[in-house]
N, C-alpha and C. Protein backbone atom coordinates (compact mmCIF):
# COMPACT_ATOMS: atom_id res chain seq x y z
N MET A 1 -30.88 27.40 22.81
CA MET A 1 -31.80 27.09 23.86
C MET A 1 -31.03 26.96 25.17
N GLY A 2 -31.74 27.22 26.23
CA GLY A 2 -31.11 27.13 27.53
C GLY A 2 -31.30 25.76 28.14
N THR A 3 -30.81 25.61 29.33
CA THR A 3 -30.94 24.36 30.06
C THR A 3 -31.94 24.55 31.18
N PRO A 4 -33.01 23.75 31.24
CA PRO A 4 -33.99 23.89 32.31
C PRO A 4 -33.36 23.63 33.68
N VAL A 5 -33.81 24.39 34.67
CA VAL A 5 -33.29 24.24 36.02
C VAL A 5 -34.21 23.35 36.84
N THR A 6 -35.50 23.66 36.83
CA THR A 6 -36.43 22.91 37.66
C THR A 6 -37.24 21.88 36.87
N GLY A 7 -37.21 21.98 35.55
CA GLY A 7 -38.00 21.05 34.74
C GLY A 7 -39.47 21.40 34.69
N ALA A 8 -39.82 22.68 34.94
CA ALA A 8 -41.22 23.11 34.91
C ALA A 8 -41.77 22.94 33.50
N ARG A 9 -42.92 22.31 33.41
CA ARG A 9 -43.52 22.02 32.12
C ARG A 9 -45.01 22.34 32.14
N VAL A 10 -45.58 22.58 30.95
CA VAL A 10 -47.02 22.77 30.80
C VAL A 10 -47.67 21.40 30.95
N PRO A 11 -48.66 21.28 31.83
CA PRO A 11 -49.33 20.00 31.99
C PRO A 11 -49.92 19.51 30.66
N LEU A 12 -49.90 18.25 30.44
CA LEU A 12 -50.43 17.56 29.27
C LEU A 12 -49.55 17.72 28.02
N MET A 13 -49.12 18.93 27.70
CA MET A 13 -48.34 19.16 26.50
C MET A 13 -46.84 18.93 26.71
N GLY A 14 -46.33 19.27 27.88
CA GLY A 14 -44.93 19.06 28.17
C GLY A 14 -44.00 20.16 27.69
N TRP A 15 -44.55 21.30 27.24
CA TRP A 15 -43.70 22.40 26.80
C TRP A 15 -42.98 23.00 28.00
N SER A 16 -41.73 23.36 27.80
CA SER A 16 -40.93 23.92 28.88
C SER A 16 -41.42 25.31 29.25
N LEU A 17 -41.48 25.58 30.54
CA LEU A 17 -41.84 26.92 31.04
C LEU A 17 -40.62 27.74 31.42
N GLU A 18 -39.44 27.18 31.20
CA GLU A 18 -38.20 27.85 31.60
C GLU A 18 -37.34 28.31 30.43
N VAL A 19 -37.34 27.56 29.35
CA VAL A 19 -36.48 27.86 28.20
C VAL A 19 -37.31 27.79 26.92
N GLY A 20 -36.71 28.19 25.80
CA GLY A 20 -37.39 28.16 24.52
C GLY A 20 -37.78 26.74 24.10
N ASP A 21 -38.97 26.60 23.54
CA ASP A 21 -39.46 25.30 23.11
C ASP A 21 -40.13 25.47 21.75
N LEU A 22 -39.56 24.87 20.71
CA LEU A 22 -40.08 25.02 19.35
C LEU A 22 -41.40 24.28 19.13
N ARG A 23 -41.75 23.40 20.04
CA ARG A 23 -42.98 22.62 19.86
C ARG A 23 -44.22 23.49 19.91
N LEU A 24 -44.20 24.59 20.63
CA LEU A 24 -45.37 25.47 20.69
C LEU A 24 -45.62 26.10 19.34
N ALA A 25 -44.59 26.62 18.68
CA ALA A 25 -44.77 27.21 17.35
C ALA A 25 -45.27 26.17 16.36
N HIS A 26 -44.76 24.97 16.45
CA HIS A 26 -45.21 23.89 15.57
C HIS A 26 -46.68 23.56 15.82
N PHE A 27 -47.07 23.50 17.08
CA PHE A 27 -48.46 23.23 17.44
C PHE A 27 -49.40 24.29 16.86
N LEU A 28 -49.03 25.57 17.03
CA LEU A 28 -49.87 26.65 16.53
C LEU A 28 -49.96 26.65 15.01
N ALA A 29 -48.84 26.42 14.33
CA ALA A 29 -48.84 26.40 12.87
C ALA A 29 -49.69 25.24 12.34
N THR A 30 -49.62 24.10 13.01
CA THR A 30 -50.42 22.95 12.58
C THR A 30 -51.91 23.24 12.72
N HIS A 31 -52.30 23.85 13.82
CA HIS A 31 -53.71 24.13 14.02
C HIS A 31 -54.19 25.32 13.20
N ALA A 32 -53.28 26.17 12.76
CA ALA A 32 -53.67 27.24 11.85
C ALA A 32 -54.17 26.65 10.54
N MET A 33 -53.58 25.53 10.13
CA MET A 33 -54.01 24.88 8.89
C MET A 33 -55.43 24.32 9.01
N HIS A 34 -55.93 24.21 10.21
CA HIS A 34 -57.31 23.78 10.41
C HIS A 34 -58.24 24.97 10.52
N LEU A 35 -57.80 26.02 11.20
CA LEU A 35 -58.70 27.12 11.50
C LEU A 35 -58.82 28.16 10.38
N VAL A 36 -57.78 28.34 9.59
CA VAL A 36 -57.88 29.32 8.49
C VAL A 36 -58.94 28.88 7.47
N PRO A 37 -58.96 27.62 7.04
CA PRO A 37 -60.05 27.22 6.14
C PRO A 37 -61.43 27.33 6.79
N LEU A 38 -61.50 27.07 8.10
CA LEU A 38 -62.79 27.23 8.78
C LEU A 38 -63.26 28.68 8.74
N ALA A 39 -62.31 29.61 8.81
CA ALA A 39 -62.68 31.02 8.69
C ALA A 39 -63.26 31.31 7.32
N GLY A 40 -62.85 30.53 6.32
CA GLY A 40 -63.39 30.69 4.97
C GLY A 40 -64.86 30.33 4.87
N LEU A 41 -65.36 29.56 5.81
CA LEU A 41 -66.78 29.21 5.80
C LEU A 41 -67.67 30.41 6.06
N THR A 42 -67.09 31.48 6.59
CA THR A 42 -67.89 32.68 6.81
C THR A 42 -68.21 33.38 5.50
N GLY A 43 -67.45 33.05 4.44
CA GLY A 43 -67.67 33.68 3.15
C GLY A 43 -67.02 35.04 3.05
N SER A 44 -66.23 35.40 4.01
CA SER A 44 -65.59 36.72 4.05
C SER A 44 -64.08 36.58 3.85
N ARG A 45 -63.57 37.24 2.82
CA ARG A 45 -62.12 37.24 2.62
C ARG A 45 -61.41 37.93 3.79
N GLY A 46 -62.06 38.92 4.36
CA GLY A 46 -61.47 39.63 5.49
C GLY A 46 -61.25 38.72 6.69
N ALA A 47 -62.20 37.81 6.92
CA ALA A 47 -62.06 36.88 8.05
C ALA A 47 -60.90 35.93 7.81
N VAL A 48 -60.75 35.46 6.59
CA VAL A 48 -59.65 34.55 6.27
C VAL A 48 -58.32 35.28 6.41
N ARG A 49 -58.24 36.49 5.88
CA ARG A 49 -56.99 37.25 5.97
C ARG A 49 -56.65 37.59 7.41
N ALA A 50 -57.63 37.97 8.19
CA ALA A 50 -57.38 38.31 9.60
C ALA A 50 -56.93 37.09 10.38
N THR A 51 -57.57 35.94 10.15
CA THR A 51 -57.19 34.72 10.84
C THR A 51 -55.78 34.29 10.45
N ALA A 52 -55.49 34.33 9.14
CA ALA A 52 -54.16 33.95 8.67
C ALA A 52 -53.09 34.90 9.20
N ALA A 53 -53.37 36.18 9.19
CA ALA A 53 -52.40 37.16 9.69
C ALA A 53 -52.18 37.00 11.19
N GLY A 54 -53.25 36.76 11.92
CA GLY A 54 -53.13 36.57 13.37
C GLY A 54 -52.31 35.36 13.72
N PHE A 55 -52.60 34.24 13.05
CA PHE A 55 -51.84 33.02 13.32
C PHE A 55 -50.39 33.18 12.88
N SER A 56 -50.15 33.83 11.74
CA SER A 56 -48.78 34.03 11.27
C SER A 56 -47.97 34.83 12.29
N GLY A 57 -48.55 35.90 12.79
CA GLY A 57 -47.86 36.72 13.78
C GLY A 57 -47.59 35.95 15.06
N LEU A 58 -48.58 35.19 15.51
CA LEU A 58 -48.42 34.42 16.75
C LEU A 58 -47.36 33.33 16.61
N VAL A 59 -47.37 32.64 15.47
CA VAL A 59 -46.38 31.58 15.25
C VAL A 59 -44.98 32.17 15.17
N LEU A 60 -44.83 33.26 14.43
CA LEU A 60 -43.52 33.89 14.31
C LEU A 60 -43.02 34.41 15.65
N TRP A 61 -43.91 34.96 16.45
CA TRP A 61 -43.53 35.47 17.78
C TRP A 61 -43.05 34.32 18.67
N CYS A 62 -43.81 33.21 18.68
CA CYS A 62 -43.43 32.06 19.50
C CYS A 62 -42.14 31.43 18.99
N PHE A 63 -41.97 31.38 17.67
CA PHE A 63 -40.76 30.81 17.09
C PHE A 63 -39.54 31.65 17.46
N ALA A 64 -39.68 32.98 17.35
CA ALA A 64 -38.56 33.87 17.69
C ALA A 64 -38.20 33.75 19.16
N ARG A 65 -39.20 33.70 20.04
CA ARG A 65 -38.92 33.55 21.48
C ARG A 65 -38.21 32.23 21.77
N ALA A 66 -38.62 31.17 21.09
CA ALA A 66 -37.98 29.87 21.30
C ALA A 66 -36.53 29.90 20.85
N LEU A 67 -36.25 30.54 19.72
CA LEU A 67 -34.88 30.62 19.23
C LEU A 67 -33.99 31.47 20.14
N MET A 68 -34.61 32.46 20.81
CA MET A 68 -33.85 33.28 21.76
C MET A 68 -33.67 32.57 23.11
N GLY A 69 -34.33 31.43 23.29
CA GLY A 69 -34.21 30.69 24.53
C GLY A 69 -35.13 31.18 25.63
N LEU A 70 -36.13 31.98 25.27
CA LEU A 70 -37.07 32.53 26.25
C LEU A 70 -38.28 31.61 26.40
N PRO A 71 -38.86 31.54 27.58
CA PRO A 71 -40.04 30.69 27.77
C PRO A 71 -41.24 31.26 27.01
N PRO A 72 -42.17 30.42 26.62
CA PRO A 72 -43.31 30.88 25.84
C PRO A 72 -44.29 31.75 26.61
N PHE A 73 -44.37 31.53 27.95
CA PHE A 73 -45.36 32.27 28.74
C PHE A 73 -44.68 33.11 29.80
């Protein structure tokens, strides 16, 4: 991870806008555990698979960016 220069942060959450921050990936993974079962309420396996695949890709992308020291946005 890098060292922040200006201390720019996301309001309310406090995630760094300058360097990698693992808290974003953790936040997304935690909320995926809420939304994937909700997708199951549709009764469609495709909806569950698409939601799980989408969240998995997003979490992995954010995690990789954080490990490289890149800002999330």
